[in-house]
Amino acid sequence: MAFDPILGDRVRALVALRDGYSERKMFGGLCFMINGNMACGIVGDELMARLDPVAAESALAEPHVRPMDFTGKPIKGMLYIATQALESDSGLASWVEAGVDFAASLPPKQKR
């Protein structure tokens, strides 16, 4: 599955200056990592965000947010955010920052 390159550029602009930043193609899209931990990504034209599981559960009450069900069942702490919630720069930034902050709170992954 291809991902929206314009959305990719918008997310990259928000994440690229953070310490430990990298990118990896995953889930048929593009993932943005902090210290080897996935923070957020793009699948198709939607943002995928990784949050603390409690915060992710609360975020499901937000409009245009649904559980990430890439495998057919919801993945704890992972959300899809539809394009309607990403149209404004501030809307996109709030979701990206939430994912980046959570990833930064995790221990760095060891390089293989």
PDB file of N, CA and C in Angstrom:
ATOM      1  N   MET A   1       0.853  -1.183   0.000  1.00  0.00           N
ATOM      2  CA  MET A   1       0.000   0.000   0.000  1.00  0.00           C
ATOM      3  C   MET A   1       0.893   1.238   0.000  1.00  0.00           C
ATOM      4  N   ALA A   2       0.580   2.172  -0.820  1.00  0.00           N
ATOM      5  CA  ALA A   2       1.322   3.426  -0.893  1.00  0.00           C
ATOM      6  C   ALA A   2       0.857   4.347   0.238  1.00  0.00           C
ATOM      7  N   PHE A   3       1.668   5.348   0.522  1.00  0.00           N
ATOM      8  CA  PHE A   3       1.284   6.324   1.532  1.00  0.00           C
ATOM      9  C   PHE A   3       1.322   7.709   0.909  1.00  0.00           C
ATOM     10  N   ASP A   4       0.587   8.621   1.499  1.00  0.00           N
ATOM     11  CA  ASP A   4       0.472   9.990   1.013  1.00  0.00           C
ATOM     12  C   ASP A   4       1.793  10.724   1.254  1.00  0.00           C
ATOM     13  N   PRO A   5       2.556  11.049   0.195  1.00  0.00           N
ATOM     14  CA  PRO A   5       3.853  11.694   0.394  1.00  0.00           C
ATOM     15  C   PRO A   5       3.751  13.110   0.949  1.00  0.00           C
ATOM     16  N   ILE A   6       2.654  13.802   0.682  1.00  0.00           N
ATOM     17  CA  ILE A   6       2.480  15.153   1.231  1.00  0.00           C
ATOM     18  C   ILE A   6       2.292  15.072   2.740  1.00  0.00           C
ATOM     19  N   LEU A   7       1.480  14.123   3.182  1.00  0.00           N
ATOM     20  CA  LEU A   7       1.322  13.914   4.620  1.00  0.00           C
ATOM     21  C   LEU A   7       2.657  13.485   5.225  1.00  0.00           C
ATOM     22  N   GLY A   8       3.400  12.664   4.510  1.00  0.00           N
ATOM     23  CA  GLY A   8       4.723  12.257   4.975  1.00  0.00           C
ATOM     24  C   GLY A   8       5.636  13.444   5.203  1.00  0.00           C
ATOM     25  N   ASP A   9       5.628  14.387   4.284  1.00  0.00           N
ATOM     26  CA  ASP A   9       6.450  15.585   4.433  1.00  0.00           C
ATOM     27  C   ASP A   9       5.998  16.439   5.621  1.00  0.00           C
ATOM     28  N   ARG A  10       4.696  16.520   5.816  1.00  0.00           N
ATOM     29  CA  ARG A  10       4.171  17.303   6.938  1.00  0.00           C
ATOM     30  C   ARG A  10       4.579  16.690   8.274  1.00  0.00           C
ATOM     31  N   VAL A  11       4.476  15.359   8.362  1.00  0.00           N
ATOM     32  CA  VAL A  11       4.870  14.672   9.594  1.00  0.00           C
ATOM     33  C   VAL A  11       6.377  14.785   9.797  1.00  0.00           C
ATOM     34  N   ARG A  12       7.141  14.559   8.748  1.00  0.00           N
ATOM     35  CA  ARG A  12       8.613  14.641   8.829  1.00  0.00           C
ATOM     36  C   ARG A  12       9.055  16.004   9.371  1.00  0.00           C
ATOM     37  N   ALA A  13       8.412  17.064   8.930  1.00  0.00           N
ATOM     38  CA  ALA A  13       8.758  18.408   9.390  1.00  0.00           C
ATOM     39  C   ALA A  13       8.547  18.557  10.899  1.00  0.00           C
ATOM     40  N   LEU A  14       7.605  17.805  11.451  1.00  0.00           N
ATOM     41  CA  LEU A  14       7.331  17.870  12.887  1.00  0.00           C
ATOM     42  C   LEU A  14       8.264  16.985  13.706  1.00  0.00           C
ATOM     43  N   VAL A  15       8.783  15.925  13.098  1.00  0.00           N
ATOM     44  CA  VAL A  15       9.522  14.902  13.849  1.00  0.00           C
ATOM     45  C   VAL A  15      11.032  14.964  13.632  1.00  0.00           C
ATOM     46  N   ALA A  16      11.464  15.414  12.474  1.00  0.00           N
ATOM     47  CA  ALA A  16      12.859  15.247  12.056  1.00  0.00           C
ATOM     48  C   ALA A  16      13.885  15.910  12.972  1.00  0.00           C
ATOM     49  N   LEU A  17      13.529  16.915  13.709  1.00  0.00           N
ATOM     50  CA  LEU A  17      14.490  17.585  14.576  1.00  0.00           C
ATOM     51  C   LEU A  17      14.587  16.967  15.964  1.00  0.00           C
ATOM     52  N   ARG A  18      13.776  15.973  16.237  1.00  0.00           N
ATOM     53  CA  ARG A  18      13.801  15.324  17.554  1.00  0.00           C
ATOM     54  C   ARG A  18      14.997  14.387  17.652  1.00  0.00           C
ATOM     55  N   ASP A  19      15.604  14.318  18.818  1.00  0.00           N
ATOM     56  CA  ASP A  19      16.709  13.389  19.048  1.00  0.00           C
ATOM     57  C   ASP A  19      16.231  11.956  18.827  1.00  0.00           C
ATOM     58  N   GLY A  20      17.059  11.154  18.188  1.00  0.00           N
ATOM     59  CA  GLY A  20      16.757   9.749  17.981  1.00  0.00           C
ATOM     60  C   GLY A  20      15.824   9.469  16.819  1.00  0.00           C
ATOM     61  N   TYR A  21      15.560  10.464  15.979  1.00  0.00           N
ATOM     62  CA  TYR A  21      14.626  10.329  14.860  1.00  0.00           C
ATOM     63  C   TYR A  21      15.168   9.400  13.775  1.00  0.00           C
ATOM     64  N   SER A  22      14.300   8.569  13.246  1.00  0.00           N
ATOM     65  CA  SER A  22      14.587   7.772  12.041  1.00  0.00           C
ATOM     66  C   SER A  22      13.259   7.424  11.389  1.00  0.00           C
ATOM     67  N   GLU A  23      13.351   6.892  10.180  1.00  0.00           N
ATOM     68  CA  GLU A  23      12.166   6.450   9.440  1.00  0.00           C
ATOM     69  C   GLU A  23      12.363   5.009   9.015  1.00  0.00           C
ATOM     70  N   ARG A  24      11.254   4.299   8.871  1.00  0.00           N
ATOM     71  CA  ARG A  24      11.302   2.915   8.421  1.00  0.00           C
ATOM     72  C   ARG A  24      10.004   2.595   7.692  1.00  0.00           C
ATOM     73  N   LYS A  25      10.109   1.880   6.599  1.00  0.00           N
ATOM     74  CA  LYS A  25       8.904   1.418   5.912  1.00  0.00           C
ATOM     75  C   LYS A  25       8.369   0.205   6.659  1.00  0.00           C
ATOM     76  N   MET A  26       7.114   0.329   7.095  1.00  0.00           N
ATOM     77  CA  MET A  26       6.433  -0.722   7.862  1.00  0.00           C
ATOM     78  C   MET A  26       4.942  -0.641   7.579  1.00  0.00           C
ATOM     79  N   PHE A  27       4.239  -1.729   7.817  1.00  0.00           N
ATOM     80  CA  PHE A  27       2.783  -1.766   7.710  1.00  0.00           C
ATOM     81  C   PHE A  27       2.298  -1.301   6.339  1.00  0.00           C
ATOM     82  N   GLY A  28       3.120  -1.440   5.315  1.00  0.00           N
ATOM     83  CA  GLY A  28       2.745  -0.981   3.992  1.00  0.00           C
ATOM     84  C   GLY A  28       2.769   0.528   3.858  1.00  0.00           C
ATOM     85  N   GLY A  29       3.373   1.193   4.820  1.00  0.00           N
ATOM     86  CA  GLY A  29       3.446   2.649   4.812  1.00  0.00           C
ATOM     87  C   GLY A  29       4.799   3.108   5.311  1.00  0.00           C
ATOM     88  N   LEU A  30       4.817   4.244   5.965  1.00  0.00           N
ATOM     89  CA  LEU A  30       6.041   4.844   6.467  1.00  0.00           C
ATOM     90  C   LEU A  30       5.878   5.123   7.952  1.00  0.00           C
ATOM     91  N   CYS A  31       6.855   4.666   8.747  1.00  0.00           N
ATOM     92  CA  CYS A  31       6.813   4.890  10.190  1.00  0.00           C
ATOM     93  C   CYS A  31       7.926   5.829  10.608  1.00  0.00           C
ATOM     94  N   PHE A  32       7.625   6.649  11.583  1.00  0.00           N
ATOM     95  CA  PHE A  32       8.574   7.590  12.159  1.00  0.00           C
ATOM     96  C   PHE A  32       8.924   7.074  13.549  1.00  0.00           C
ATOM     97  N   MET A  33      10.215   6.945  13.794  1.00  0.00           N
ATOM     98  CA  MET A  33      10.712   6.317  15.010  1.00  0.00           C
ATOM     99  C   MET A  33      11.477   7.334  15.860  1.00  0.00           C
ATOM    100  N   ILE A  34      11.446   7.099  17.165  1.00  0.00           N
ATOM    101  CA  ILE A  34      12.272   7.841  18.108  1.00  0.00           C
ATOM    102  C   ILE A  34      13.040   6.796  18.919  1.00  0.00           C
ATOM    103  N   ASN A  35      14.354   6.837  18.807  1.00  0.00           N
ATOM    104  CA  ASN A  35      15.221   5.873  19.495  1.00  0.00           C
ATOM    105  C   ASN A  35      14.817   4.431  19.196  1.00  0.00           C
ATOM    106  N   GLY A  36      14.385   4.180  17.975  1.00  0.00           N
ATOM    107  CA  GLY A  36      14.004   2.837  17.557  1.00  0.00           C
ATOM    108  C   GLY A  36      12.591   2.435  17.910  1.00  0.00           C
ATOM    109  N   ASN A  37      11.862   3.283  18.609  1.00  0.00           N
ATOM    110  CA  ASN A  37      10.469   3.004  18.984  1.00  0.00           C
ATOM    111  C   ASN A  37       9.528   3.739  18.041  1.00  0.00           C
ATOM    112  N   MET A  38       8.531   3.038  17.522  1.00  0.00           N
ATOM    113  CA  MET A  38       7.587   3.669  16.621  1.00  0.00           C
ATOM    114  C   MET A  38       6.781   4.733  17.354  1.00  0.00           C
ATOM    115  N   ALA A  39       6.709   5.921  16.759  1.00  0.00           N
ATOM    116  CA  ALA A  39       5.935   7.024  17.316  1.00  0.00           C
ATOM    117  C   ALA A  39       4.634   7.207  16.545  1.00  0.00           C
ATOM    118  N   CYS A  40       4.758   7.251  15.229  1.00  0.00           N
ATOM    119  CA  CYS A  40       3.609   7.454  14.364  1.00  0.00           C
ATOM    120  C   CYS A  40       3.987   7.017  12.958  1.00  0.00           C
ATOM    121  N   GLY A  41       3.023   7.022  12.083  1.00  0.00           N
ATOM    122  CA  GLY A  41       3.294   6.630  10.718  1.00  0.00           C
ATOM    123  C   GLY A  41       2.144   6.999   9.810  1.00  0.00           C
ATOM    124  N   ILE A  42       2.321   6.638   8.562  1.00  0.00           N
ATOM    125  CA  ILE A  42       1.300   6.920   7.560  1.00  0.00           C
ATOM    126  C   ILE A  42       0.987   5.620   6.844  1.00  0.00           C
ATOM    127  N   VAL A  43      -0.273   5.298   6.797  1.00  0.00           N
ATOM    128  CA  VAL A  43      -0.764   4.156   6.033  1.00  0.00           C
ATOM    129  C   VAL A  43      -1.854   4.710   5.122  1.00  0.00           C
ATOM    130  N   GLY A  44      -1.601   4.659   3.833  1.00  0.00           N
ATOM    131  CA  GLY A  44      -2.525   5.270   2.886  1.00  0.00           C
ATOM    132  C   GLY A  44      -2.525   6.777   3.098  1.00  0.00           C
ATOM    133  N   ASP A  45      -3.702   7.333   3.397  1.00  0.00           N
ATOM    134  CA  ASP A  45      -3.786   8.772   3.653  1.00  0.00           C
ATOM    135  C   ASP A  45      -4.133   9.076   5.102  1.00  0.00           C
ATOM    136  N   GLU A  46      -3.936   8.083   5.976  1.00  0.00           N
ATOM    137  CA  GLU A  46      -4.252   8.257   7.392  1.00  0.00           C
ATOM    138  C   GLU A  46      -2.977   8.255   8.234  1.00  0.00           C
ATOM    139  N   LEU A  47      -3.062   8.926   9.360  1.00  0.00           N
ATOM    140  CA  LEU A  47      -1.983   8.893  10.329  1.00  0.00           C
ATOM    141  C   LEU A  47      -2.213   7.712  11.261  1.00  0.00           C
ATOM    142  N   MET A  48      -1.153   7.054  11.601  1.00  0.00           N
ATOM    143  CA  MET A  48      -1.181   5.999  12.593  1.00  0.00           C
ATOM    144  C   MET A  48      -0.384   6.539  13.775  1.00  0.00           C
ATOM    145  N   ALA A  49      -0.937   6.486  14.981  1.00  0.00           N
ATOM    146  CA  ALA A  49      -0.238   7.010  16.145  1.00  0.00           C
ATOM    147  C   ALA A  49      -0.169   5.948  17.231  1.00  0.00           C
ATOM    148  N   ARG A  50       0.980   5.908  17.898  1.00  0.00           N
ATOM    149  CA  ARG A  50       1.180   4.994  19.022  1.00  0.00           C
ATOM    150  C   ARG A  50       1.166   5.828  20.289  1.00  0.00           C
ATOM    151  N   LEU A  51       0.216   5.523  21.165  1.00  0.00           N
ATOM    152  CA  LEU A  51       0.073   6.252  22.417  1.00  0.00           C
ATOM    153  C   LEU A  51       0.111   5.277  23.577  1.00  0.00           C
ATOM    154  N   ASP A  52       0.287   5.811  24.761  1.00  0.00           N
ATOM    155  CA  ASP A  52       0.118   5.008  25.963  1.00  0.00           C
ATOM    156  C   ASP A  52      -1.272   4.359  25.861  1.00  0.00           C
ATOM    157  N   PRO A  53      -1.398   3.075  26.186  1.00  0.00           N
ATOM    158  CA  PRO A  53      -2.697   2.407  26.019  1.00  0.00           C
ATOM    159  C   PRO A  53      -3.869   3.108  26.701  1.00  0.00           C
ATOM    160  N   VAL A  54      -3.662   3.702  27.863  1.00  0.00           N
ATOM    161  CA  VAL A  54      -4.756   4.413  28.545  1.00  0.00           C
ATOM    162  C   VAL A  54      -5.132   5.664  27.759  1.00  0.00           C
ATOM    163  N   ALA A  55      -4.129   6.411  27.297  1.00  0.00           N
ATOM    164  CA  ALA A  55      -4.397   7.613  26.494  1.00  0.00           C
ATOM    165  C   ALA A  55      -5.060   7.244  25.174  1.00  0.00           C
ATOM    166  N   ALA A  56      -4.638   6.135  24.583  1.00  0.00           N
ATOM    167  CA  ALA A  56      -5.235   5.698  23.314  1.00  0.00           C
ATOM    168  C   ALA A  56      -6.708   5.345  23.508  1.00  0.00           C
ATOM    169  N   GLU A  57      -7.017   4.706  24.604  1.00  0.00           N
ATOM    170  CA  GLU A  57      -8.419   4.353  24.881  1.00  0.00           C
ATOM    171  C   GLU A  57      -9.261   5.617  25.002  1.00  0.00           C
ATOM    172  N   SER A  58      -8.752   6.625  25.678  1.00  0.00           N
ATOM    173  CA  SER A  58      -9.474   7.896  25.814  1.00  0.00           C
ATOM    174  C   SER A  58      -9.597   8.608  24.470  1.00  0.00           C
ATOM    175  N   ALA A  59      -8.561   8.517  23.651  1.00  0.00           N
ATOM    176  CA  ALA A  59      -8.546   9.205  22.348  1.00  0.00           C
ATOM    177  C   ALA A  59      -9.591   8.652  21.389  1.00  0.00           C
ATOM    178  N   LEU A  60     -10.063   7.450  21.632  1.00  0.00           N
ATOM    179  CA  LEU A  60     -11.085   6.866  20.756  1.00  0.00           C
ATOM    180  C   LEU A  60     -12.384   7.672  20.775  1.00  0.00           C
ATOM    181  N   ALA A  61     -12.565   8.512  21.788  1.00  0.00           N
ATOM    182  CA  ALA A  61     -13.755   9.368  21.856  1.00  0.00           C
ATOM    183  C   ALA A  61     -13.642  10.568  20.913  1.00  0.00           C
ATOM    184  N   GLU A  62     -12.452  10.839  20.410  1.00  0.00           N
ATOM    185  CA  GLU A  62     -12.236  11.961  19.500  1.00  0.00           C
ATOM    186  C   GLU A  62     -12.817  11.641  18.118  1.00  0.00           C
ATOM    187  N   PRO A  63     -13.298  12.667  17.410  1.00  0.00           N
ATOM    188  CA  PRO A  63     -13.815  12.416  16.065  1.00  0.00           C
ATOM    189  C   PRO A  63     -12.703  11.955  15.113  1.00  0.00           C
ATOM    190  N   HIS A  64     -13.053  11.079  14.215  1.00  0.00           N
ATOM    191  CA  HIS A  64     -12.172  10.597  13.147  1.00  0.00           C
ATOM    192  C   HIS A  64     -11.030   9.720  13.648  1.00  0.00           C
ATOM    193  N   VAL A  65     -11.192   9.125  14.821  1.00  0.00           N
ATOM    194  CA  VAL A  65     -10.174   8.251  15.400  1.00  0.00           C
ATOM    195  C   VAL A  65     -10.774   6.869  15.573  1.00  0.00           C
ATOM    196  N   ARG A  66      -9.980   5.855  15.207  1.00  0.00           N
ATOM    197  CA  ARG A  66     -10.442   4.477  15.402  1.00  0.00           C
ATOM    198  C   ARG A  66      -9.237   3.606  15.768  1.00  0.00           C
ATOM    199  N   PRO A  67      -9.494   2.448  16.339  1.00  0.00           N
ATOM    200  CA  PRO A  67      -8.377   1.568  16.690  1.00  0.00           C
ATOM    201  C   PRO A  67      -7.644   1.097  15.439  1.00  0.00           C
ATOM    202  N   MET A  68      -6.353   0.935  15.547  1.00  0.00           N
ATOM    203  CA  MET A  68      -5.586   0.351  14.447  1.00  0.00           C
ATOM    204  C   MET A  68      -5.886  -1.136  14.441  1.00  0.00           C
ATOM    205  N   ASP A  69      -6.421  -1.596  13.335  1.00  0.00           N
ATOM    206  CA  ASP A  69      -6.828  -3.000  13.212  1.00  0.00           C
ATOM    207  C   ASP A  69      -6.173  -3.629  11.989  1.00  0.00           C
ATOM    208  N   PHE A  70      -4.920  -3.330  11.800  1.00  0.00           N
ATOM    209  CA  PHE A  70      -4.160  -3.785  10.631  1.00  0.00           C
ATOM    210  C   PHE A  70      -4.218  -5.303  10.474  1.00  0.00           C
ATOM    211  N   THR A  71      -4.195  -6.017  11.582  1.00  0.00           N
ATOM    212  CA  THR A  71      -4.194  -7.482  11.543  1.00  0.00           C
ATOM    213  C   THR A  71      -5.596  -8.072  11.607  1.00  0.00           C
ATOM    214  N   GLY A  72      -6.612  -7.231  11.644  1.00  0.00           N
ATOM    215  CA  GLY A  72      -7.982  -7.719  11.756  1.00  0.00           C
ATOM    216  C   GLY A  72      -8.531  -7.570  13.157  1.00  0.00           C
ATOM    217  N   LYS A  73      -7.668  -7.331  14.126  1.00  0.00           N
ATOM    218  CA  LYS A  73      -8.136  -7.047  15.482  1.00  0.00           C
ATOM    219  C   LYS A  73      -7.355  -5.841  16.007  1.00  0.00           C
ATOM    220  N   PRO A  74      -7.981  -5.067  16.904  1.00  0.00           N
ATOM    221  CA  PRO A  74      -7.330  -3.848  17.396  1.00  0.00           C
ATOM    222  C   PRO A  74      -5.992  -4.145  18.076  1.00  0.00           C
ATOM    223  N   ILE A  75      -5.042  -3.251  17.869  1.00  0.00           N
ATOM    224  CA  ILE A  75      -3.732  -3.354  18.499  1.00  0.00           C
ATOM    225  C   ILE A  75      -3.684  -2.322  19.620  1.00  0.00           C
ATOM    226  N   LYS A  76      -3.430  -2.779  20.830  1.00  0.00           N
ATOM    227  CA  LYS A  76      -3.455  -1.920  22.015  1.00  0.00           C
ATOM    228  C   LYS A  76      -2.498  -0.732  21.858  1.00  0.00           C
ATOM    229  N   GLY A  77      -3.013   0.456  22.100  1.00  0.00           N
ATOM    230  CA  GLY A  77      -2.211   1.667  22.060  1.00  0.00           C
ATOM    231  C   GLY A  77      -2.003   2.256  20.669  1.00  0.00           C
ATOM    232  N   MET A  78      -2.547   1.620  19.647  1.00  0.00           N
ATOM    233  CA  MET A  78      -2.347   2.074  18.272  1.00  0.00           C
ATOM    234  C   MET A  78      -3.668   2.589  17.703  1.00  0.00           C
ATOM    235  N   LEU A  79      -3.592   3.740  17.036  1.00  0.00           N
ATOM    236  CA  LEU A  79      -4.787   4.379  16.483  1.00  0.00           C
ATOM    237  C   LEU A  79      -4.574   4.775  15.035  1.00  0.00           C
ATOM    238  N   TYR A  80      -5.665   4.802  14.290  1.00  0.00           N
ATOM    239  CA  TYR A  80      -5.702   5.439  12.981  1.00  0.00           C
ATOM    240  C   TYR A  80      -6.440   6.757  13.151  1.00  0.00           C
ATOM    241  N   ILE A  81      -5.901   7.815  12.567  1.00  0.00           N
ATOM    242  CA  ILE A  81      -6.541   9.117  12.592  1.00  0.00           C
ATOM    243  C   ILE A  81      -6.825   9.503  11.144  1.00  0.00           C
ATOM    244  N   ALA A  82      -8.091   9.689  10.822  1.00  0.00           N
ATOM    245  CA  ALA A  82      -8.515   9.964   9.451  1.00  0.00           C
ATOM    246  C   ALA A  82      -8.123  11.370   9.010  1.00  0.00           C
ATOM    247  N   THR A  83      -8.099  11.560   7.715  1.00  0.00           N
ATOM    248  CA  THR A  83      -7.638  12.818   7.117  1.00  0.00           C
ATOM    249  C   THR A  83      -8.395  14.045   7.625  1.00  0.00           C
ATOM    250  N   GLN A  84      -9.673  13.904   7.964  1.00  0.00           N
ATOM    251  CA  GLN A  84     -10.450  15.052   8.426  1.00  0.00           C
ATOM    252  C   GLN A  84      -9.846  15.667   9.691  1.00  0.00           C
ATOM    253  N   ALA A  85      -9.204  14.855  10.521  1.00  0.00           N
ATOM    254  CA  ALA A  85      -8.600  15.358  11.758  1.00  0.00           C
ATOM    255  C   ALA A  85      -7.194  15.911  11.533  1.00  0.00           C
ATOM    256  N   LEU A  86      -6.680  15.792  10.309  1.00  0.00           N
ATOM    257  CA  LEU A  86      -5.298  16.176  10.013  1.00  0.00           C
ATOM    258  C   LEU A  86      -5.195  17.382   9.093  1.00  0.00           C
ATOM    259  N   GLU A  87      -6.330  17.957   8.715  1.00  0.00           N
ATOM    260  CA  GLU A  87      -6.320  19.050   7.746  1.00  0.00           C
ATOM    261  C   GLU A  87      -5.583  20.279   8.259  1.00  0.00           C
ATOM    262  N   SER A  88      -5.767  20.622   9.527  1.00  0.00           N
ATOM    263  CA  SER A  88      -5.058  21.785  10.077  1.00  0.00           C
ATOM    264  C   SER A  88      -3.684  21.352  10.578  1.00  0.00           C
ATOM    265  N   ASP A  89      -2.737  22.271  10.530  1.00  0.00           N
ATOM    266  CA  ASP A  89      -1.399  21.975  11.034  1.00  0.00           C
ATOM    267  C   ASP A  89      -1.438  21.657  12.524  1.00  0.00           C
ATOM    268  N   SER A  90      -2.279  22.366  13.258  1.00  0.00           N
ATOM    269  CA  SER A  90      -2.354  22.118  14.702  1.00  0.00           C
ATOM    270  C   SER A  90      -2.982  20.760  15.012  1.00  0.00           C
ATOM    271  N   GLY A  91      -3.966  20.354  14.212  1.00  0.00           N
ATOM    272  CA  GLY A  91      -4.572  19.035  14.403  1.00  0.00           C
ATOM    273  C   GLY A  91      -3.566  17.924  14.178  1.00  0.00           C
ATOM    274  N   LEU A  92      -2.810  18.031  13.091  1.00  0.00           N
ATOM    275  CA  LEU A  92      -1.775  17.041  12.811  1.00  0.00           C
ATOM    276  C   LEU A  92      -0.714  17.066  13.902  1.00  0.00           C
ATOM    277  N   ALA A  93      -0.259  18.237  14.271  1.00  0.00           N
ATOM    278  CA  ALA A  93       0.816  18.356  15.264  1.00  0.00           C
ATOM    279  C   ALA A  93       0.438  17.739  16.601  1.00  0.00           C
ATOM    280  N   SER A  94      -0.807  17.894  17.015  1.00  0.00           N
ATOM    281  CA  SER A  94      -1.191  17.346  18.319  1.00  0.00           C
ATOM    282  C   SER A  94      -1.093  15.821  18.332  1.00  0.00           C
ATOM    283  N   TRP A  95      -1.505  15.178  17.243  1.00  0.00           N
ATOM    284  CA  TRP A  95      -1.415  13.715  17.177  1.00  0.00           C
ATOM    285  C   TRP A  95       0.034  13.250  17.045  1.00  0.00           C
ATOM    286  N   VAL A  96       0.801  13.921  16.210  1.00  0.00           N
ATOM    287  CA  VAL A  96       2.207  13.541  16.023  1.00  0.00           C
ATOM    288  C   VAL A  96       2.969  13.722  17.329  1.00  0.00           C
ATOM    289  N   GLU A  97       2.772  14.833  17.989  1.00  0.00           N
ATOM    290  CA  GLU A  97       3.482  15.085  19.244  1.00  0.00           C
ATOM    291  C   GLU A  97       3.111  14.067  20.310  1.00  0.00           C
ATOM    292  N   ALA A  98       1.856  13.660  20.360  1.00  0.00           N
ATOM    293  CA  ALA A  98       1.447  12.646  21.338  1.00  0.00           C
ATOM    294  C   ALA A  98       2.198  11.336  21.084  1.00  0.00           C
ATOM    295  N   GLY A  99       2.298  10.946  19.814  1.00  0.00           N
ATOM    296  CA  GLY A  99       3.027   9.723  19.481  1.00  0.00           C
ATOM    297  C   GLY A  99       4.515   9.834  19.762  1.00  0.00           C
ATOM    298  N   VAL A 100       5.103  10.973  19.405  1.00  0.00           N
ATOM    299  CA  VAL A 100       6.535  11.193  19.620  1.00  0.00           C
ATOM    300  C   VAL A 100       6.844  11.230  21.116  1.00  0.00           C
ATOM    301  N   ASP A 101       6.021  11.899  21.887  1.00  0.00           N
ATOM    302  CA  ASP A 101       6.249  11.969  23.333  1.00  0.00           C
ATOM    303  C   ASP A 101       6.187  10.576  23.960  1.00  0.00           C
ATOM    304  N   PHE A 102       5.232   9.753  23.525  1.00  0.00           N
ATOM    305  CA  PHE A 102       5.145   8.404  24.078  1.00  0.00           C
ATOM    306  C   PHE A 102       6.369   7.588  23.678  1.00  0.00           C
ATOM    307  N   ALA A 103       6.761   7.638  22.420  1.00  0.00           N
ATOM    308  CA  ALA A 103       7.933   6.874  21.973  1.00  0.00           C
ATOM    309  C   ALA A 103       9.191   7.320  22.711  1.00  0.00           C
ATOM    310  N   ALA A 104       9.324   8.618  22.953  1.00  0.00           N
ATOM    311  CA  ALA A 104      10.491   9.140  23.656  1.00  0.00           C
ATOM    312  C   ALA A 104      10.530   8.700  25.114  1.00  0.00           C
ATOM    313  N   SER A 105       9.376   8.352  25.672  1.00  0.00           N
ATOM    314  CA  SER A 105       9.314   7.915  27.069  1.00  0.00           C
ATOM    315  C   SER A 105       9.750   6.455  27.249  1.00  0.00           C
ATOM    316  N   LEU A 106       9.860   5.719  26.152  1.00  0.00           N
ATOM    317  CA  LEU A 106      10.236   4.309  26.201  1.00  0.00           C
ATOM    318  C   LEU A 106      11.752   4.147  26.191  1.00  0.00           C
ATOM    319  N   PRO A 107      12.252   3.047  26.744  1.00  0.00           N
ATOM    320  CA  PRO A 107      13.699   2.809  26.662  1.00  0.00           C
ATOM    321  C   PRO A 107      14.127   2.662  25.196  1.00  0.00           C
ATOM    322  N   PRO A 108      15.293   3.195  24.838  1.00  0.00           N
ATOM    323  CA  PRO A 108      15.757   3.042  23.460  1.00  0.00           C
ATOM    324  C   PRO A 108      15.895   1.573  23.071  1.00  0.00           C
ATOM    325  N   LYS A 109      15.557   1.271  21.834  1.00  0.00           N
ATOM    326  CA  LYS A 109      15.740  -0.095  21.325  1.00  0.00           C
ATOM    327  C   LYS A 109      17.223  -0.310  21.026  1.00  0.00           C
ATOM    328  N   GLN A 110      17.679  -1.499  21.294  1.00  0.00           N
ATOM    329  CA  GLN A 110      19.067  -1.848  20.977  1.00  0.00           C
ATOM    330  C   GLN A 110      19.177  -2.075  19.492  1.00  0.00           C
ATOM    331  N   LYS A 111      20.234  -1.544  18.873  1.00  0.00           N
ATOM    332  CA  LYS A 111      20.455  -1.767  17.439  1.00  0.00           C
ATOM    333  C   LYS A 111      20.881  -3.201  17.223  1.00  0.00           C
ATOM    334  N   ARG A 112      20.392  -3.797  16.148  1.00  0.00           N
ATOM    335  CA  ARG A 112      20.720  -5.191  15.842  1.00  0.00           C
ATOM    336  C   ARG A 112      22.017  -5.264  15.094  1.00  0.00           C
TER     337      ARG A 112
END
